[in-house]
Amino acid sequence: MSLRTFLQAKIHRATLTGTCLDYEGSISICPELLTTSGIHPFEQVDVYNLDNGERLTTYTLSGEPGEIRLNGAAAHKGNPGQKVIIAAYCLLDEKELQEHNPVVLLVDETNRIKGRYNG
C-alpha cells in the first residue's frame, strides 16, 4: 500500500515578527503555537508568504512568545509585518486517512490564537 502526503497542521496568517540572516537557518515559532498545532521543534515545514508569494521549506525552532522569525537564508523570503502560512505534512496510508484530522490554527496580528479547528 502506498503512502500519500496530507496536511498535518497549519498556522494560518501568522505575522512575521523578525528575520535573522546571520543564523544557521530555520523558522522560530512561538512555543504555544508549536504545542497547540502539534508541530515539533526541528520538524520540516513549508512557509508561504501571503504578501510576496515566496515559498520555502525549512525546519522549526521554538522561539519566544508571539515570535515568528525567519532565520538564515530564509530571512530573504520575508519582512517583519508580512503574513505567512506555516504548514506541516504527514504521510498516511488509506486506513490512517480515514481517521486523520489536521489541526488548523487561526492567529491574530500578534500571533495569538483566535481560533482552532480540526479538518
N, C-alpha and C. Protein backbone atom coordinates (compact mmCIF):
# COMPACT_ATOMS: atom_id res chain seq x y z
N MET A 1 0.84 -1.18 0.00
CA MET A 1 0.00 0.00 0.00
C MET A 1 0.89 1.24 0.00
N SER A 2 0.57 2.18 -0.84
CA SER A 2 1.38 3.39 -0.94
C SER A 2 0.95 4.43 0.08
N LEU A 3 1.87 5.32 0.40
CA LEU A 3 1.59 6.43 1.30
C LEU A 3 1.36 7.69 0.48
N ARG A 4 0.48 8.55 0.98
CA ARG A 4 0.20 9.82 0.33
C ARG A 4 0.43 10.94 1.34
N THR A 5 0.72 12.13 0.85
CA THR A 5 1.04 13.27 1.71
C THR A 5 -0.20 14.12 1.96
N PHE A 6 -0.44 14.40 3.27
CA PHE A 6 -1.60 15.20 3.68
C PHE A 6 -1.18 16.26 4.68
N LEU A 7 -1.97 17.32 4.78
CA LEU A 7 -1.74 18.35 5.77
C LEU A 7 -1.87 17.76 7.17
N GLN A 8 -0.90 18.02 8.02
CA GLN A 8 -0.94 17.59 9.42
C GLN A 8 -1.36 18.76 10.32
N ALA A 9 -0.76 19.94 10.07
CA ALA A 9 -1.05 21.11 10.89
C ALA A 9 -0.76 22.37 10.09
N LYS A 10 -1.50 23.44 10.42
CA LYS A 10 -1.29 24.71 9.74
C LYS A 10 -1.48 25.85 10.73
N ILE A 11 -0.58 26.82 10.66
CA ILE A 11 -0.72 28.08 11.39
C ILE A 11 -1.02 29.11 10.31
N HIS A 12 -2.24 29.65 10.33
CA HIS A 12 -2.76 30.45 9.23
C HIS A 12 -2.67 31.95 9.51
N ARG A 13 -2.03 32.67 8.60
CA ARG A 13 -1.92 34.13 8.63
C ARG A 13 -1.15 34.64 9.84
N ALA A 14 -0.06 33.95 10.17
CA ALA A 14 0.83 34.44 11.23
C ALA A 14 1.57 35.68 10.70
N THR A 15 1.96 36.54 11.62
CA THR A 15 2.68 37.75 11.26
C THR A 15 4.16 37.58 11.55
N LEU A 16 4.99 37.82 10.53
CA LEU A 16 6.44 37.75 10.76
C LEU A 16 6.83 38.87 11.74
N THR A 17 7.54 38.48 12.79
CA THR A 17 7.98 39.46 13.79
C THR A 17 9.43 39.85 13.60
N GLY A 18 10.16 39.12 12.77
CA GLY A 18 11.56 39.46 12.55
C GLY A 18 12.23 38.50 11.59
N THR A 19 13.46 38.83 11.25
CA THR A 19 14.33 37.99 10.44
C THR A 19 15.73 38.06 11.03
N CYS A 20 16.50 37.00 10.82
CA CYS A 20 17.88 36.96 11.32
C CYS A 20 18.73 36.24 10.28
N LEU A 21 19.36 37.02 9.42
CA LEU A 21 20.17 36.46 8.34
C LEU A 21 21.37 35.67 8.88
N ASP A 22 21.99 36.16 9.94
CA ASP A 22 23.19 35.52 10.49
C ASP A 22 22.84 34.39 11.44
N TYR A 23 22.17 33.39 10.91
CA TYR A 23 21.75 32.22 11.69
C TYR A 23 21.86 31.03 10.77
N GLU A 24 21.96 29.84 11.33
CA GLU A 24 22.15 28.64 10.50
C GLU A 24 20.95 28.32 9.62
N GLY A 25 19.78 28.78 9.98
CA GLY A 25 18.60 28.53 9.15
C GLY A 25 17.46 27.98 9.95
N SER A 26 16.25 28.22 9.52
CA SER A 26 15.04 27.70 10.15
C SER A 26 14.00 28.79 10.28
N ILE A 27 12.91 28.46 10.98
CA ILE A 27 11.90 29.44 11.36
C ILE A 27 11.66 29.27 12.86
N SER A 28 11.78 30.35 13.61
CA SER A 28 11.49 30.34 15.04
C SER A 28 10.00 30.63 15.22
N ILE A 29 9.32 29.77 15.99
CA ILE A 29 7.87 29.88 16.16
C ILE A 29 7.55 29.90 17.65
N CYS A 30 6.61 30.74 18.02
CA CYS A 30 6.10 30.84 19.38
C CYS A 30 5.83 29.44 19.96
N PRO A 31 6.33 29.15 21.17
CA PRO A 31 6.14 27.82 21.76
C PRO A 31 4.67 27.41 21.87
N GLU A 32 3.78 28.34 22.20
CA GLU A 32 2.36 27.99 22.32
C GLU A 32 1.79 27.55 20.97
N LEU A 33 2.21 28.20 19.90
CA LEU A 33 1.73 27.80 18.57
C LEU A 33 2.24 26.42 18.19
N LEU A 34 3.50 26.14 18.53
CA LEU A 34 4.04 24.80 18.25
C LEU A 34 3.25 23.74 19.02
N THR A 35 3.08 23.95 20.31
CA THR A 35 2.40 22.95 21.14
C THR A 35 0.96 22.73 20.69
N THR A 36 0.23 23.81 20.47
CA THR A 36 -1.18 23.70 20.13
C THR A 36 -1.39 23.09 18.74
N SER A 37 -0.49 23.40 17.82
CA SER A 37 -0.61 22.86 16.46
C SER A 37 -0.12 21.42 16.38
N GLY A 38 0.72 21.01 17.34
CA GLY A 38 1.31 19.68 17.27
C GLY A 38 2.56 19.63 16.42
N ILE A 39 3.04 20.79 15.98
CA ILE A 39 4.30 20.85 15.22
C ILE A 39 5.45 20.82 16.23
N HIS A 40 6.44 20.00 15.97
CA HIS A 40 7.56 19.83 16.89
C HIS A 40 8.79 20.63 16.46
N PRO A 41 9.62 21.02 17.43
CA PRO A 41 10.91 21.62 17.06
C PRO A 41 11.69 20.68 16.15
N PHE A 42 12.31 21.23 15.16
CA PHE A 42 13.11 20.54 14.15
C PHE A 42 12.28 19.78 13.12
N GLU A 43 10.95 19.93 13.15
CA GLU A 43 10.09 19.32 12.15
C GLU A 43 10.12 20.16 10.87
N GLN A 44 10.06 19.48 9.74
CA GLN A 44 10.03 20.17 8.45
C GLN A 44 8.68 20.85 8.26
N VAL A 45 8.73 22.08 7.78
CA VAL A 45 7.52 22.83 7.44
C VAL A 45 7.72 23.57 6.14
N ASP A 46 6.62 23.89 5.50
CA ASP A 46 6.62 24.81 4.37
C ASP A 46 6.09 26.13 4.87
N VAL A 47 6.64 27.22 4.35
CA VAL A 47 6.21 28.57 4.73
C VAL A 47 5.80 29.28 3.44
N TYR A 48 4.57 29.82 3.45
CA TYR A 48 4.03 30.51 2.29
C TYR A 48 3.81 31.96 2.68
N ASN A 49 4.50 32.88 2.02
CA ASN A 49 4.38 34.30 2.32
C ASN A 49 3.22 34.87 1.51
N LEU A 50 2.19 35.32 2.22
CA LEU A 50 0.99 35.84 1.56
C LEU A 50 1.21 37.20 0.90
N ASP A 51 2.22 37.93 1.35
CA ASP A 51 2.44 39.28 0.83
C ASP A 51 3.29 39.31 -0.44
N ASN A 52 4.24 38.39 -0.57
CA ASN A 52 5.12 38.44 -1.74
C ASN A 52 5.14 37.15 -2.56
N GLY A 53 4.39 36.14 -2.13
CA GLY A 53 4.31 34.89 -2.89
C GLY A 53 5.47 33.94 -2.70
N GLU A 54 6.46 34.31 -1.91
CA GLU A 54 7.61 33.43 -1.67
C GLU A 54 7.18 32.18 -0.92
N ARG A 55 7.84 31.07 -1.24
CA ARG A 55 7.60 29.79 -0.58
C ARG A 55 8.93 29.18 -0.23
N LEU A 56 8.98 28.51 0.91
CA LEU A 56 10.23 27.85 1.29
C LEU A 56 9.93 26.66 2.18
N THR A 57 10.87 25.75 2.23
CA THR A 57 10.83 24.60 3.12
C THR A 57 11.99 24.75 4.09
N THR A 58 11.69 24.57 5.38
CA THR A 58 12.72 24.69 6.41
C THR A 58 12.31 23.81 7.58
N TYR A 59 12.94 24.02 8.73
CA TYR A 59 12.57 23.30 9.94
C TYR A 59 12.29 24.31 11.04
N THR A 60 11.58 23.86 12.07
CA THR A 60 11.15 24.76 13.13
C THR A 60 12.10 24.77 14.31
N LEU A 61 12.11 25.91 14.99
CA LEU A 61 12.75 26.06 16.29
C LEU A 61 11.73 26.70 17.22
N SER A 62 11.82 26.38 18.50
CA SER A 62 10.96 27.03 19.48
C SER A 62 11.49 28.44 19.71
N GLY A 63 10.65 29.43 19.49
CA GLY A 63 11.06 30.82 19.63
C GLY A 63 10.55 31.43 20.92
N GLU A 64 10.46 32.73 20.94
CA GLU A 64 9.93 33.48 22.08
C GLU A 64 8.41 33.58 21.94
N PRO A 65 7.69 33.88 23.03
CA PRO A 65 6.24 34.06 22.92
C PRO A 65 5.89 35.09 21.85
N GLY A 66 4.95 34.73 20.98
CA GLY A 66 4.50 35.62 19.91
C GLY A 66 5.41 35.69 18.70
N GLU A 67 6.57 35.05 18.77
CA GLU A 67 7.57 35.18 17.70
C GLU A 67 7.29 34.28 16.51
N ILE A 68 7.47 34.84 15.32
CA ILE A 68 7.55 34.12 14.06
C ILE A 68 8.71 34.78 13.32
N ARG A 69 9.87 34.12 13.29
CA ARG A 69 11.07 34.76 12.74
C ARG A 69 11.74 33.83 11.72
N LEU A 70 12.00 34.38 10.54
CA LEU A 70 12.74 33.65 9.52
C LEU A 70 14.23 33.81 9.78
N ASN A 71 14.95 32.70 9.74
CA ASN A 71 16.38 32.69 10.05
C ASN A 71 17.21 32.21 8.86
N GLY A 72 18.47 32.62 8.82
CA GLY A 72 19.39 32.18 7.78
C GLY A 72 18.93 32.62 6.41
N ALA A 73 19.14 31.77 5.41
CA ALA A 73 18.77 32.12 4.04
C ALA A 73 17.28 32.44 3.91
N ALA A 74 16.45 31.80 4.76
CA ALA A 74 15.00 32.06 4.72
C ALA A 74 14.68 33.52 5.03
N ALA A 75 15.59 34.21 5.71
CA ALA A 75 15.36 35.62 6.06
C ALA A 75 15.18 36.49 4.82
N HIS A 76 15.66 36.03 3.67
CA HIS A 76 15.49 36.78 2.41
C HIS A 76 14.07 36.66 1.86
N LYS A 77 13.27 35.75 2.42
CA LYS A 77 11.95 35.44 1.87
C LYS A 77 10.81 36.24 2.49
N GLY A 78 11.12 37.10 3.46
CA GLY A 78 10.06 37.87 4.07
C GLY A 78 10.58 39.01 4.91
N ASN A 79 9.66 39.89 5.31
CA ASN A 79 9.98 41.05 6.13
C ASN A 79 9.01 41.12 7.31
N PRO A 80 9.45 41.69 8.42
CA PRO A 80 8.54 41.84 9.56
C PRO A 80 7.25 42.53 9.14
N GLY A 81 6.15 42.03 9.68
CA GLY A 81 4.83 42.56 9.36
C GLY A 81 4.11 41.79 8.28
N GLN A 82 4.83 41.02 7.48
CA GLN A 82 4.18 40.24 6.43
C GLN A 82 3.48 39.02 7.02
N LYS A 83 2.45 38.57 6.32
CA LYS A 83 1.66 37.42 6.75
C LYS A 83 2.17 36.15 6.08
N VAL A 84 2.21 35.06 6.86
CA VAL A 84 2.65 33.78 6.34
C VAL A 84 1.71 32.67 6.79
N ILE A 85 1.73 31.60 6.04
CA ILE A 85 1.08 30.34 6.41
C ILE A 85 2.21 29.36 6.64
N ILE A 86 2.15 28.63 7.75
CA ILE A 86 3.15 27.62 8.08
C ILE A 86 2.43 26.28 8.07
N ALA A 87 2.90 25.34 7.26
CA ALA A 87 2.21 24.06 7.10
C ALA A 87 3.17 22.89 7.29
N ALA A 88 2.71 21.90 8.06
CA ALA A 88 3.43 20.65 8.25
C ALA A 88 2.59 19.54 7.61
N TYR A 89 3.26 18.57 7.04
CA TYR A 89 2.59 17.50 6.33
C TYR A 89 2.97 16.14 6.92
N CYS A 90 2.16 15.13 6.63
CA CYS A 90 2.45 13.77 7.10
C CYS A 90 2.14 12.79 5.98
N LEU A 91 2.71 11.60 6.08
CA LEU A 91 2.45 10.52 5.13
C LEU A 91 1.45 9.56 5.75
N LEU A 92 0.39 9.26 5.02
CA LEU A 92 -0.66 8.39 5.53
C LEU A 92 -1.00 7.31 4.51
N ASP A 93 -1.36 6.15 5.02
CA ASP A 93 -1.91 5.12 4.13
C ASP A 93 -3.43 5.27 4.12
N GLU A 94 -4.12 4.49 3.33
CA GLU A 94 -5.57 4.63 3.17
C GLU A 94 -6.31 4.45 4.50
N LYS A 95 -5.86 3.53 5.33
CA LYS A 95 -6.52 3.27 6.61
C LYS A 95 -6.34 4.47 7.55
N GLU A 96 -5.14 5.01 7.63
CA GLU A 96 -4.87 6.16 8.50
C GLU A 96 -5.65 7.39 8.06
N LEU A 97 -5.82 7.54 6.77
CA LEU A 97 -6.51 8.69 6.20
C LEU A 97 -7.94 8.81 6.73
N GLN A 98 -8.60 7.70 6.95
CA GLN A 98 -9.99 7.72 7.39
C GLN A 98 -10.17 8.40 8.74
N GLU A 99 -9.14 8.38 9.58
CA GLU A 99 -9.24 8.98 10.91
C GLU A 99 -8.40 10.24 11.06
N HIS A 100 -7.83 10.70 9.97
CA HIS A 100 -6.93 11.86 10.03
C HIS A 100 -7.71 13.17 10.14
N ASN A 101 -7.29 14.03 11.08
CA ASN A 101 -7.88 15.35 11.26
C ASN A 101 -6.76 16.36 11.46
N PRO A 102 -6.40 17.10 10.44
CA PRO A 102 -5.35 18.11 10.60
C PRO A 102 -5.80 19.22 11.56
N VAL A 103 -4.83 19.83 12.21
CA VAL A 103 -5.08 20.95 13.11
C VAL A 103 -4.80 22.25 12.36
N VAL A 104 -5.74 23.18 12.40
CA VAL A 104 -5.57 24.49 11.77
C VAL A 104 -5.75 25.55 12.85
N LEU A 105 -4.71 26.36 13.02
CA LEU A 105 -4.77 27.47 13.97
C LEU A 105 -4.93 28.78 13.22
N LEU A 106 -5.85 29.59 13.66
CA LEU A 106 -6.02 30.94 13.14
C LEU A 106 -5.45 31.87 14.20
N VAL A 107 -4.61 32.82 13.78
CA VAL A 107 -3.97 33.71 14.74
C VAL A 107 -4.26 35.17 14.40
N ASP A 108 -4.13 36.03 15.42
CA ASP A 108 -4.34 37.46 15.20
C ASP A 108 -3.03 38.14 14.82
N GLU A 109 -3.01 39.46 14.78
CA GLU A 109 -1.84 40.22 14.34
C GLU A 109 -0.63 40.05 15.25
N THR A 110 -0.88 39.64 16.50
CA THR A 110 0.23 39.43 17.45
C THR A 110 0.54 37.95 17.64
N ASN A 111 0.02 37.13 16.73
CA ASN A 111 0.27 35.68 16.72
C ASN A 111 -0.34 34.96 17.91
N ARG A 112 -1.41 35.52 18.47
CA ARG A 112 -2.17 34.81 19.49
C ARG A 112 -3.28 34.03 18.82
N ILE A 113 -3.56 32.88 19.36
CA ILE A 113 -4.58 32.00 18.77
C ILE A 113 -5.95 32.64 18.95
N LYS A 114 -6.67 32.78 17.82
CA LYS A 114 -8.04 33.30 17.88
C LYS A 114 -9.05 32.24 17.46
N GLY A 115 -8.57 31.12 16.94
CA GLY A 115 -9.44 30.03 16.55
C GLY A 115 -8.66 28.78 16.23
N ARG A 116 -9.33 27.66 16.38
CA ARG A 116 -8.71 26.37 16.07
C ARG A 116 -9.81 25.44 15.56
N TYR A 117 -9.46 24.71 14.52
CA TYR A 117 -10.37 23.67 14.09
C TYR A 117 -9.57 22.49 13.55
N ASN A 118 -10.21 21.35 13.58
CA ASN A 118 -9.61 20.12 13.05
C ASN A 118 -10.36 19.76 11.78
N GLY A 119 -9.57 19.56 10.72
CA GLY A 119 -10.13 19.26 9.41
C GLY A 119 -11.08 18.15 9.46
